[in-house]
């Protein structure tokens, strides 16, 4: 799937981001890939919603730093 490969290439974070760094994440399910509409943090082996602190209940397949000027609320 060209679309999946293109999206994965856009989310090029390697390894795990530092836990104090909110990032954009790419998720995947049976319907395809999608970006979550909120920033996330990787804390103690789990992806967390940066705003609510709730655990992300999706399969994260990639991450990237937010684009310059994109707000990532605490």
N, C-alpha and C. Protein backbone atom coordinates (compact mmCIF):
# COMPACT_ATOMS: atom_id res chain seq x y z
N UNK A 1 0.84 -1.19 0.00
CA UNK A 1 0.00 0.00 0.00
C UNK A 1 0.88 1.25 0.00
N UNK A 2 0.80 2.01 -1.06
CA UNK A 2 1.62 3.21 -1.18
C UNK A 2 1.27 4.24 -0.10
N UNK A 3 -0.01 4.38 0.19
CA UNK A 3 -0.42 5.36 1.20
C UNK A 3 0.16 5.02 2.57
N UNK A 4 0.11 3.77 2.95
CA UNK A 4 0.65 3.35 4.25
C UNK A 4 2.15 3.63 4.30
N UNK A 5 2.87 3.26 3.26
CA UNK A 5 4.32 3.47 3.23
C UNK A 5 4.66 4.96 3.28
N UNK A 6 3.89 5.77 2.56
CA UNK A 6 4.14 7.21 2.56
C UNK A 6 3.92 7.79 3.95
N UNK A 7 2.83 7.38 4.60
CA UNK A 7 2.54 7.88 5.95
C UNK A 7 3.61 7.43 6.95
N UNK A 8 4.02 6.18 6.85
CA UNK A 8 5.08 5.70 7.75
C UNK A 8 6.36 6.51 7.55
N UNK A 9 6.67 6.87 6.32
CA UNK A 9 7.87 7.66 6.04
C UNK A 9 7.77 9.06 6.65
N UNK A 10 6.57 9.59 6.77
CA UNK A 10 6.37 10.91 7.38
C UNK A 10 6.53 10.88 8.90
N UNK A 11 6.29 9.73 9.50
CA UNK A 11 6.42 9.57 10.94
C UNK A 11 7.69 8.78 11.20
N UNK A 12 8.81 9.48 11.14
CA UNK A 12 10.12 8.84 11.12
C UNK A 12 10.84 8.82 12.45
N UNK A 13 10.11 8.97 13.56
CA UNK A 13 10.77 8.93 14.87
C UNK A 13 11.36 7.55 15.11
N UNK A 14 12.60 7.53 15.53
CA UNK A 14 13.28 6.26 15.82
C UNK A 14 13.30 6.00 17.32
N UNK A 15 13.10 4.76 17.70
CA UNK A 15 13.13 4.41 19.11
C UNK A 15 11.96 5.03 19.84
N UNK A 16 12.19 5.40 21.07
CA UNK A 16 11.15 6.00 21.91
C UNK A 16 11.48 7.46 22.14
N UNK A 17 10.50 8.35 22.05
CA UNK A 17 10.77 9.76 22.36
C UNK A 17 10.94 9.94 23.86
N UNK A 18 11.65 10.99 24.29
CA UNK A 18 11.74 11.26 25.73
C UNK A 18 10.35 11.46 26.32
N UNK A 19 10.10 11.00 27.56
CA UNK A 19 8.76 11.08 28.14
C UNK A 19 8.24 12.50 28.34
N UNK A 20 9.13 13.49 28.38
CA UNK A 20 8.70 14.87 28.57
C UNK A 20 8.43 15.59 27.25
N UNK A 21 8.46 14.85 26.13
CA UNK A 21 8.31 15.45 24.81
C UNK A 21 6.99 15.01 24.16
N UNK A 22 6.02 15.94 24.00
CA UNK A 22 4.78 15.58 23.30
C UNK A 22 5.05 15.46 21.81
N UNK A 23 4.53 14.40 21.19
CA UNK A 23 4.76 14.14 19.78
C UNK A 23 3.45 13.78 19.08
N UNK A 24 3.47 13.83 17.76
CA UNK A 24 2.34 13.36 16.96
C UNK A 24 2.55 11.88 16.71
N UNK A 25 1.46 11.11 16.73
CA UNK A 25 1.59 9.67 16.51
C UNK A 25 0.71 9.21 15.35
N UNK A 26 1.19 8.16 14.69
CA UNK A 26 0.47 7.51 13.62
C UNK A 26 0.01 6.16 14.14
N UNK A 27 -1.27 5.87 13.99
CA UNK A 27 -1.83 4.61 14.46
C UNK A 27 -2.33 3.80 13.27
N UNK A 28 -2.59 2.52 13.55
CA UNK A 28 -3.06 1.64 12.49
C UNK A 28 -4.09 0.66 13.06
N UNK A 29 -5.13 0.41 12.26
CA UNK A 29 -6.10 -0.62 12.60
C UNK A 29 -6.53 -1.31 11.32
N UNK A 30 -7.59 -2.11 11.39
CA UNK A 30 -8.04 -2.87 10.23
C UNK A 30 -8.47 -1.98 9.05
N UNK A 31 -8.76 -0.71 9.31
CA UNK A 31 -9.18 0.21 8.25
C UNK A 31 -8.02 0.95 7.59
N UNK A 32 -6.87 0.97 8.23
CA UNK A 32 -5.72 1.69 7.67
C UNK A 32 -4.97 2.47 8.73
N UNK A 33 -4.22 3.48 8.27
CA UNK A 33 -3.44 4.31 9.18
C UNK A 33 -4.11 5.66 9.37
N UNK A 34 -3.88 6.26 10.52
CA UNK A 34 -4.46 7.57 10.82
C UNK A 34 -3.63 8.25 11.90
N UNK A 35 -3.62 9.58 11.86
CA UNK A 35 -2.93 10.37 12.87
C UNK A 35 -3.92 10.74 13.95
N UNK A 36 -3.53 10.60 15.20
CA UNK A 36 -4.40 11.03 16.30
C UNK A 36 -4.49 12.55 16.30
N UNK A 37 -5.64 13.11 16.67
CA UNK A 37 -5.83 14.57 16.63
C UNK A 37 -5.27 15.29 17.86
N UNK A 38 -4.49 14.61 18.65
CA UNK A 38 -3.91 15.20 19.86
C UNK A 38 -2.48 14.68 20.01
N UNK A 39 -1.67 15.46 20.72
CA UNK A 39 -0.29 15.06 20.98
C UNK A 39 -0.26 13.97 22.04
N UNK A 40 0.78 13.15 22.00
CA UNK A 40 0.94 12.06 22.95
C UNK A 40 2.34 12.08 23.54
N UNK A 41 2.48 11.40 24.67
CA UNK A 41 3.78 11.19 25.31
C UNK A 41 3.95 9.69 25.53
N UNK A 42 5.20 9.22 25.45
CA UNK A 42 5.50 7.81 25.71
C UNK A 42 6.07 7.72 27.11
N UNK A 43 5.28 7.18 28.05
CA UNK A 43 5.66 7.16 29.47
C UNK A 43 5.57 5.74 29.99
N UNK A 44 6.67 5.25 30.55
CA UNK A 44 6.70 3.91 31.15
C UNK A 44 6.16 2.83 30.22
N UNK A 45 6.55 2.91 28.95
CA UNK A 45 6.16 1.89 27.99
C UNK A 45 4.76 2.01 27.43
N UNK A 46 4.06 3.11 27.72
CA UNK A 46 2.71 3.31 27.22
C UNK A 46 2.57 4.67 26.59
N UNK A 47 1.76 4.74 25.52
CA UNK A 47 1.43 6.01 24.91
C UNK A 47 0.29 6.64 25.68
N UNK A 48 0.46 7.93 26.04
CA UNK A 48 -0.55 8.66 26.82
C UNK A 48 -0.99 9.91 26.06
N UNK A 49 -2.27 10.24 26.15
CA UNK A 49 -2.80 11.48 25.61
C UNK A 49 -2.15 12.61 26.39
N UNK A 50 -1.52 13.55 25.70
CA UNK A 50 -0.82 14.64 26.37
C UNK A 50 -1.77 15.55 27.14
N UNK A 51 -3.02 15.67 26.70
CA UNK A 51 -3.98 16.56 27.36
C UNK A 51 -4.65 15.90 28.56
N UNK A 52 -5.16 14.68 28.36
CA UNK A 52 -5.94 14.03 29.42
C UNK A 52 -5.12 13.10 30.30
N UNK A 53 -3.98 12.64 29.78
CA UNK A 53 -3.18 11.67 30.52
C UNK A 53 -3.67 10.24 30.35
N UNK A 54 -4.77 10.06 29.61
CA UNK A 54 -5.32 8.73 29.39
C UNK A 54 -4.44 7.90 28.46
N UNK A 55 -4.50 6.59 28.64
CA UNK A 55 -3.74 5.67 27.81
C UNK A 55 -4.35 5.60 26.41
N UNK A 56 -3.51 5.63 25.40
CA UNK A 56 -3.96 5.51 24.01
C UNK A 56 -4.32 4.05 23.75
N UNK A 57 -5.55 3.81 23.35
CA UNK A 57 -6.04 2.46 23.10
C UNK A 57 -5.98 2.15 21.60
N UNK A 58 -4.84 2.37 21.00
CA UNK A 58 -4.66 2.15 19.57
C UNK A 58 -3.25 1.62 19.36
N UNK A 59 -3.01 1.02 18.20
CA UNK A 59 -1.69 0.52 17.87
C UNK A 59 -0.89 1.64 17.21
N UNK A 60 0.08 2.16 17.93
CA UNK A 60 0.94 3.23 17.41
C UNK A 60 2.04 2.60 16.57
N UNK A 61 2.16 3.06 15.31
CA UNK A 61 3.16 2.50 14.40
C UNK A 61 4.26 3.50 14.06
N UNK A 62 4.11 4.75 14.50
CA UNK A 62 5.15 5.75 14.25
C UNK A 62 4.89 7.02 15.02
N UNK A 63 5.95 7.82 15.16
CA UNK A 63 5.81 9.11 15.83
C UNK A 63 6.73 10.11 15.15
N UNK A 64 6.44 11.41 15.38
CA UNK A 64 7.28 12.49 14.86
C UNK A 64 7.12 13.70 15.75
N UNK A 65 8.08 14.58 15.65
CA UNK A 65 8.00 15.84 16.36
C UNK A 65 6.91 16.69 15.72
N UNK A 66 6.20 17.50 16.50
CA UNK A 66 5.18 18.37 15.92
C UNK A 66 5.82 19.37 14.95
N UNK A 67 5.06 19.76 13.95
CA UNK A 67 5.53 20.78 13.02
C UNK A 67 5.72 22.10 13.76
N UNK A 68 6.65 22.92 13.33
CA UNK A 68 6.84 24.23 14.00
C UNK A 68 5.53 25.02 14.02
N UNK A 69 5.23 25.59 15.15
CA UNK A 69 4.02 26.38 15.30
C UNK A 69 2.81 25.59 15.74
N UNK A 70 2.91 24.26 15.82
CA UNK A 70 1.79 23.44 16.28
C UNK A 70 1.80 23.41 17.79
N UNK A 71 0.68 23.77 18.40
CA UNK A 71 0.58 23.80 19.86
C UNK A 71 0.37 22.40 20.39
N UNK A 72 1.08 22.07 21.44
CA UNK A 72 0.88 20.79 22.14
C UNK A 72 0.62 21.13 23.60
N UNK A 73 -0.64 21.26 23.92
CA UNK A 73 -1.02 21.67 25.29
C UNK A 73 -0.49 20.70 26.31
N UNK A 74 -0.22 21.20 27.52
CA UNK A 74 0.30 20.32 28.59
C UNK A 74 -0.69 19.28 29.01
